[in-house]
């Protein structure tokens, strides 16, 4: 009797399962959809490194370098070719995978970060004029995009990327009063992480500041690493020292202090340059120089011979294949070889 009861219950369970399976099949047929597998997260490549070939878990990646070559007069040198460059990573020669001359004008995404901390209060008007001058000098309408943000202890994006100069003007004019402390490294880190990751094209940050960081949680090295990972070039316009005292709040002939040297490091490590000026004419020349450099860059990619991505720092060195008197090469100094972008 008990065996017969168990047999009956088992048969009933099989019948219910069959009905449920049939119902799900009919539902899928009626909607025209097939059951989909659960998506799995995939790892993204590290900043500055692009996926090329994937075979199972093995990736071949390319490192991209914006390269500037300058003559004795600090003017960009045009007309160079792939064969003019030699690249080393950790002193090991690398084979160039691709090369292009930026004279053709690849779109540029440039973010201007303006210091509005209390130490920059006396120079606020000068900084606003500087920001406008740079944007009008560099941004090509219908091609490039610019964003404008301010920073004190916080970072405030006042205008997202746009090619509308009137919108950028309005954003700059909206700055009325200074803040308190200065979080320079936080501003660079956040702009790279939150805005530069999502754009296609060359990425540039121009910081207008007195260079004194007083409240960042990020360290200088962390700001540099984030800029390198997102392939962002940093140029800095320092309002602290200058050639004359014509600009309110700028001391003429000031010798570089420790903060100025850190500003130099931030720009130099990312392939940019820091300018320490206070004279209006020299400022305009600096903006023109930055614009010319961006228009005269060469973009080179290579596939690292070291295939381990363990977070170690890789030092990059770019040289000219044949020495030329007075020419110097500038690019970013290296990158951390992470296995993905999220670390």
Protein backbone atom coordinates (compact mmCIF):
# COMPACT_ATOMS: atom_id res chain seq x y z
CA UNK A 1 0.00 0.00 0.00
CA UNK A 2 2.77 2.41 1.00
CA UNK A 3 4.79 1.53 -2.12
CA UNK A 4 1.82 2.23 -4.36
CA UNK A 5 1.32 5.65 -2.69
CA UNK A 6 4.97 6.64 -3.26
CA UNK A 7 4.71 5.55 -6.90
CA UNK A 8 1.60 7.69 -7.36
CA UNK A 9 3.24 10.78 -5.83
CA UNK A 10 6.38 10.37 -7.93
CA UNK A 11 4.33 10.07 -11.13
CA UNK A 12 2.38 13.21 -10.22
CA UNK A 13 5.61 15.17 -9.64
CA UNK A 14 6.95 14.17 -13.06
CA UNK A 15 3.68 15.26 -14.66
CA UNK A 16 3.86 18.73 -13.02
CA UNK A 17 7.50 19.23 -14.13
CA UNK A 18 6.58 18.27 -17.69
CA UNK A 19 3.73 20.81 -17.71
CA UNK A 20 6.04 23.57 -16.41
CA UNK A 21 8.70 22.83 -19.03
CA UNK A 22 6.12 22.81 -21.80
CA UNK A 23 4.69 26.13 -20.59
CA UNK A 24 8.08 27.85 -20.62
CA UNK A 25 8.78 26.56 -24.14
CA UNK A 26 5.43 27.83 -25.40
CA UNK A 27 6.01 31.21 -23.75
CA UNK A 28 9.40 31.57 -25.45
CA UNK A 29 7.91 30.61 -28.83
CA UNK A 30 5.05 33.10 -28.43
CA UNK A 31 7.37 36.00 -27.67
CA UNK A 32 9.83 35.04 -30.38
CA UNK A 33 12.68 34.95 -27.85
CA UNK A 34 15.01 32.21 -26.77
CA UNK A 35 16.17 31.88 -23.16
CA UNK A 36 19.40 33.87 -22.73
CA UNK A 37 22.45 32.85 -20.68
CA UNK A 38 23.35 34.89 -17.62
CA UNK A 39 25.90 37.55 -18.70
CA UNK A 40 29.38 37.31 -17.18
CA UNK A 41 31.54 40.38 -16.38
CA UNK A 42 34.65 40.76 -18.49
CA UNK A 43 37.85 42.55 -17.53
CA UNK A 44 38.76 45.79 -19.33
CA UNK A 45 42.32 46.49 -20.55
CA UNK A 46 44.57 48.85 -18.59
CA UNK A 47 44.69 52.58 -19.38
CA UNK A 48 47.02 53.36 -22.24
CA UNK A 49 46.68 49.77 -23.42
CA UNK A 50 44.24 48.54 -26.04
CA UNK A 51 43.05 44.97 -26.75
CA UNK A 52 44.37 43.66 -30.04
CA UNK A 53 44.09 39.86 -30.15
CA UNK A 54 42.40 37.54 -27.70
CA UNK A 55 43.00 33.78 -27.69
CA UNK A 56 41.52 32.28 -24.54
CA UNK A 57 42.85 34.22 -21.55
CA UNK A 58 45.87 35.67 -23.39
CA UNK A 59 45.80 39.32 -24.55
CA UNK A 60 48.14 41.30 -26.77
CA UNK A 61 48.03 44.98 -25.88
CA UNK A 62 49.29 48.21 -27.37
CA UNK A 63 50.66 51.22 -25.51
CA UNK A 64 49.88 54.57 -27.12
CA UNK A 65 52.26 57.52 -26.82
CA UNK A 66 51.72 61.14 -27.86
CA UNK A 67 55.20 62.43 -28.77
CA UNK A 68 56.36 66.02 -29.14
CA UNK A 69 59.70 66.88 -30.78
CA UNK A 70 61.00 70.42 -30.20
CA UNK A 71 63.87 72.38 -31.76
CA UNK A 72 66.22 74.86 -30.10
CA UNK A 73 63.54 77.55 -30.19
CA UNK A 74 61.02 75.24 -28.49
CA UNK A 75 59.03 74.94 -31.72
CA UNK A 76 57.47 71.60 -32.80
CA UNK A 77 59.39 69.74 -35.48
CA UNK A 78 57.25 68.48 -38.37
CA UNK A 79 57.83 65.91 -41.09
CA UNK A 80 59.23 63.03 -39.02
CA UNK A 81 58.37 59.41 -39.83
CA UNK A 82 58.12 56.09 -38.03
CA UNK A 83 61.78 55.33 -38.79
CA UNK A 84 62.89 58.47 -36.91
CA UNK A 85 61.84 57.06 -33.51
CA UNK A 86 63.21 54.38 -31.21
CA UNK A 87 61.19 53.27 -28.16
CA UNK A 88 62.40 51.55 -25.01
CA UNK A 89 60.37 50.08 -22.16
CA UNK A 90 62.45 49.31 -19.07
CA UNK A 91 65.51 49.70 -21.34
CA UNK A 92 64.26 46.99 -23.71
CA UNK A 93 63.71 48.04 -27.37
CA UNK A 94 60.12 47.88 -28.57
CA UNK A 95 58.73 47.43 -32.06
CA UNK A 96 56.47 50.23 -33.26
CA UNK A 97 53.05 48.90 -34.28
CA UNK A 98 51.52 52.08 -35.70
CA UNK A 99 52.43 55.72 -36.36
CA UNK A 100 50.53 58.82 -37.34
CA UNK A 101 51.25 62.51 -37.66
CA UNK A 102 48.75 64.68 -35.80
CA UNK A 103 49.09 67.55 -38.27
CA UNK A 104 45.88 66.10 -39.75
CA UNK A 105 44.11 67.19 -36.57
CA UNK A 106 42.64 64.36 -34.50
CA UNK A 107 39.96 65.81 -32.16
CA UNK A 108 41.24 66.96 -28.77
CA UNK A 109 39.32 66.79 -25.50
CA UNK A 110 40.73 69.44 -23.20
CA UNK A 111 39.62 70.14 -19.63
CA UNK A 112 40.57 73.39 -17.92
CA UNK A 113 40.87 73.16 -14.13
CA UNK A 114 40.98 76.53 -12.36
CA UNK A 115 42.18 77.02 -8.80
CA UNK A 116 39.72 79.13 -6.77
CA UNK A 117 41.16 78.47 -3.31
CA UNK A 118 41.85 81.31 -0.88
CA UNK A 119 45.53 81.41 -1.88
CA UNK A 120 44.44 82.24 -5.44
CA UNK A 121 41.86 84.88 -4.43
CA UNK A 122 43.95 87.86 -5.51
CA UNK A 123 44.52 86.25 -8.92
CA UNK A 124 40.97 85.13 -9.64
CA UNK A 125 40.35 87.69 -12.37
CA UNK A 126 43.70 86.90 -13.97
CA UNK A 127 42.94 83.17 -13.89
CA UNK A 128 39.51 83.66 -15.50
CA UNK A 129 41.03 85.70 -18.31
CA UNK A 130 43.74 83.05 -18.69
CA UNK A 131 41.16 80.28 -18.96
CA UNK A 132 39.22 82.12 -21.67
CA UNK A 133 42.39 82.90 -23.61
CA UNK A 134 43.42 79.28 -23.62
CA UNK A 135 40.03 77.98 -24.68
CA UNK A 136 39.82 80.45 -27.56
CA UNK A 137 43.39 79.59 -28.62
CA UNK A 138 43.08 75.81 -28.58
CA UNK A 139 39.48 74.76 -29.24
CA UNK A 140 38.51 74.30 -32.88
CA UNK A 141 34.75 74.64 -33.29
CA UNK A 142 32.97 71.52 -34.61
CA UNK A 143 36.09 69.45 -34.01
CA UNK A 144 37.53 69.72 -30.48
CA UNK A 145 35.69 69.64 -27.16
CA UNK A 146 36.46 71.50 -23.95
CA UNK A 147 35.24 71.26 -20.36
CA UNK A 148 35.65 73.76 -17.52
CA UNK A 149 35.89 73.01 -13.81
CA UNK A 150 37.03 74.77 -10.65
CA UNK A 151 38.61 73.36 -7.54
CA UNK A 152 39.25 74.40 -3.97
CA UNK A 153 38.64 71.68 -1.39
CA UNK A 154 36.06 70.30 -3.86
CA UNK A 155 35.93 69.84 -7.62
CA UNK A 156 33.02 71.46 -9.48
CA UNK A 157 32.32 70.78 -13.14
CA UNK A 158 30.73 73.98 -14.47
CA UNK A 159 30.65 72.98 -18.14
CA UNK A 160 30.92 69.48 -19.59
CA UNK A 161 32.68 68.82 -22.90
CA UNK A 162 31.37 71.09 -25.64
CA UNK A 163 32.58 73.00 -28.70
CA UNK A 164 30.32 75.96 -27.91
CA UNK A 165 32.63 78.80 -26.84
CA UNK A 166 29.73 80.88 -25.54
CA UNK A 167 28.85 78.12 -23.07
CA UNK A 168 32.45 77.97 -21.91
CA UNK A 169 32.48 81.78 -21.53
CA UNK A 170 29.36 81.62 -19.37
CA UNK A 171 30.89 78.91 -17.21
CA UNK A 172 34.07 80.92 -16.62
CA UNK A 173 32.12 84.11 -15.88
CA UNK A 174 29.98 82.27 -13.34
CA UNK A 175 32.97 82.00 -10.96
CA UNK A 176 32.44 84.83 -8.47
CA UNK A 177 34.26 84.07 -5.24
CA UNK A 178 37.13 81.91 -4.03
CA UNK A 179 36.90 78.85 -1.81
CA UNK A 180 39.17 77.87 1.03
CA UNK A 181 41.78 75.09 0.76
CA UNK A 182 43.40 73.60 -2.38
CA UNK A 183 42.92 70.00 -3.57
CA UNK A 184 44.97 70.13 -6.77
CA UNK A 185 45.88 66.44 -6.98
CA UNK A 186 42.30 65.38 -6.21
CA UNK A 187 41.10 67.61 -9.06
CA UNK A 188 43.48 66.04 -11.58
CA UNK A 189 42.72 62.51 -10.35
CA UNK A 190 38.95 62.96 -10.51
CA UNK A 191 38.91 64.68 -13.90
CA UNK A 192 40.97 61.85 -15.39
CA UNK A 193 38.94 59.12 -13.72
CA UNK A 194 35.44 60.54 -14.21
CA UNK A 195 35.68 62.43 -17.52
CA UNK A 196 38.73 61.41 -19.53
CA UNK A 197 38.04 57.66 -19.45
CA UNK A 198 34.89 58.02 -21.53
CA UNK A 199 36.13 60.12 -24.45
CA UNK A 200 37.74 59.13 -27.74
CA UNK A 201 40.54 61.35 -28.98
CA UNK A 202 43.55 62.97 -27.40
CA UNK A 203 43.07 63.92 -23.76
CA UNK A 204 44.53 67.07 -22.25
CA UNK A 205 44.17 68.82 -18.89
CA UNK A 206 45.30 72.41 -18.36
CA UNK A 207 45.59 73.42 -14.71
CA UNK A 208 45.64 77.12 -13.81
CA UNK A 209 46.88 77.33 -10.23
CA UNK A 210 49.43 78.72 -7.78
CA UNK A 211 50.60 75.13 -7.36
CA UNK A 212 50.17 74.80 -3.60
CA UNK A 213 48.17 71.68 -2.68
CA UNK A 214 46.87 71.83 0.90
CA UNK A 215 43.99 69.35 1.21
CA UNK A 216 44.12 66.53 -1.37
CA UNK A 217 43.50 62.96 -0.29
CA UNK A 218 45.30 61.80 -3.42
CA UNK A 219 49.08 62.02 -3.50
CA UNK A 220 51.08 63.51 -6.36
CA UNK A 221 52.15 60.03 -7.48
CA UNK A 222 48.51 58.88 -7.58
CA UNK A 223 47.48 61.86 -9.71
CA UNK A 224 50.35 61.12 -12.10
CA UNK A 225 49.43 57.43 -12.29
CA UNK A 226 45.78 58.18 -13.06
CA UNK A 227 46.77 60.64 -15.81
CA UNK A 228 49.11 58.04 -17.32
CA UNK A 229 46.49 55.28 -17.13
CA UNK A 230 43.94 57.44 -18.96
CA UNK A 231 46.55 58.74 -21.46
CA UNK A 232 45.99 62.33 -20.34
CA UNK A 233 48.61 65.03 -20.92
CA UNK A 234 48.78 67.67 -18.18
CA UNK A 235 49.90 71.24 -18.84
CA UNK A 236 50.14 73.65 -15.90
CA UNK A 237 49.98 77.45 -15.85
CA UNK A 238 51.34 78.67 -12.53
CA UNK A 239 50.11 82.07 -11.34
CA UNK A 240 52.54 82.23 -8.43
CA UNK A 241 55.74 83.41 -10.08
CA UNK A 242 56.39 85.55 -13.10
CA UNK A 243 58.65 87.93 -14.95
CA UNK A 244 57.00 91.07 -13.62
CA UNK A 245 54.64 92.22 -10.92
CA UNK A 246 52.12 93.57 -13.43
CA UNK A 247 49.60 90.92 -12.49
CA UNK A 248 48.01 91.34 -9.03
CA UNK A 249 49.12 88.60 -6.66
CA UNK A 250 52.03 87.43 -8.80
CA UNK A 251 55.54 87.99 -7.49
CA UNK A 252 58.12 88.76 -10.14
CA UNK A 253 61.27 86.66 -10.30
CA UNK A 254 60.21 84.17 -7.63
CA UNK A 255 62.49 81.14 -7.34
CA UNK A 256 60.73 77.77 -7.68
CA UNK A 257 59.82 76.20 -4.35
CA UNK A 258 58.94 72.58 -3.55
CA UNK A 259 55.33 72.95 -4.76
CA UNK A 260 56.53 74.41 -8.07
CA UNK A 261 58.83 71.42 -8.54
CA UNK A 262 55.89 69.07 -7.90
CA UNK A 263 53.90 70.92 -10.56
CA UNK A 264 56.85 70.35 -12.90
CA UNK A 265 56.80 66.63 -12.07
CA UNK A 266 53.05 66.34 -12.70
CA UNK A 267 53.36 67.86 -16.17
CA UNK A 268 56.65 66.24 -17.13
CA UNK A 269 55.58 62.68 -16.19
CA UNK A 270 52.47 62.93 -18.39
CA UNK A 271 54.16 64.43 -21.44
CA UNK A 272 53.17 68.04 -20.78
CA UNK A 273 54.90 71.12 -19.41
CA UNK A 274 54.51 73.59 -16.55
CA UNK A 275 54.76 77.32 -17.24
CA UNK A 276 55.70 79.72 -14.44
CA UNK A 277 54.67 83.15 -15.69
CA UNK A 278 52.83 86.28 -14.68
CA UNK A 279 53.28 88.56 -17.64
CA UNK A 280 50.26 88.81 -19.92
CA UNK A 281 52.30 88.67 -23.13
CA UNK A 282 54.23 85.60 -21.97
CA UNK A 283 50.95 83.98 -20.99
CA UNK A 284 49.58 84.41 -24.50
CA UNK A 285 52.78 82.96 -25.91
CA UNK A 286 52.46 79.96 -23.60
CA UNK A 287 48.91 79.27 -24.80
CA UNK A 288 50.04 79.52 -28.42
CA UNK A 289 52.89 77.14 -27.69
CA UNK A 290 50.59 74.56 -26.12
CA UNK A 291 48.26 74.77 -29.11
CA UNK A 292 51.14 74.30 -31.55
CA UNK A 293 52.47 71.33 -29.61
CA UNK A 294 49.09 69.61 -29.66
CA UNK A 295 48.78 70.19 -33.41
CA UNK A 296 52.32 68.95 -34.05
CA UNK A 297 52.37 65.72 -32.05
CA UNK A 298 53.11 62.24 -33.34
CA UNK A 299 51.06 59.29 -32.04
CA UNK A 300 53.02 56.04 -31.77
CA UNK A 301 51.83 52.67 -30.47
CA UNK A 302 53.86 49.59 -29.56
CA UNK A 303 53.19 46.12 -28.16
CA UNK A 304 55.18 45.57 -24.95
CA UNK A 305 57.61 42.65 -25.02
CA UNK A 306 56.89 42.15 -21.30
CA UNK A 307 53.51 40.35 -21.25
CA UNK A 308 53.11 40.31 -17.45
CA UNK A 309 50.43 42.68 -16.13
CA UNK A 310 51.08 42.71 -12.41
CA UNK A 311 50.75 46.42 -11.62
CA UNK A 312 54.48 47.07 -11.86
CA UNK A 313 55.70 50.41 -13.19
CA UNK A 314 57.11 50.40 -16.72
CA UNK A 315 59.49 53.21 -17.61
CA UNK A 316 59.21 54.54 -21.19
CA UNK A 317 61.98 56.28 -23.11
CA UNK A 318 61.64 57.63 -26.65
CA UNK A 319 64.70 58.68 -28.65
CA UNK A 320 65.41 59.83 -32.17
CA UNK A 321 67.00 57.11 -34.29
CA UNK A 322 69.68 59.57 -35.44
CA UNK A 323 70.88 62.38 -33.21
CA UNK A 324 69.95 65.83 -34.43
CA UNK A 325 71.53 68.88 -32.92
CA UNK A 326 69.28 70.72 -30.51
CA UNK A 327 66.20 68.49 -30.87
CA UNK A 328 64.52 67.08 -27.78
CA UNK A 329 61.72 64.55 -27.40
CA UNK A 330 58.90 64.74 -24.88
CA UNK A 331 56.30 62.10 -24.00
CA UNK A 332 54.89 60.46 -20.90
CA UNK A 333 57.47 58.74 -18.74
CA UNK A 334 55.72 55.42 -18.15
CA UNK A 335 52.67 53.54 -16.91
CA UNK A 336 51.59 50.92 -14.37
CA UNK A 337 50.86 47.61 -16.08
CA UNK A 338 47.57 46.61 -14.50
CA UNK A 339 45.61 43.61 -15.76
CA UNK A 340 42.49 45.77 -16.16
CA UNK A 341 41.31 49.38 -15.89
CA UNK A 342 39.41 48.91 -12.64
CA UNK A 343 42.38 48.41 -10.31
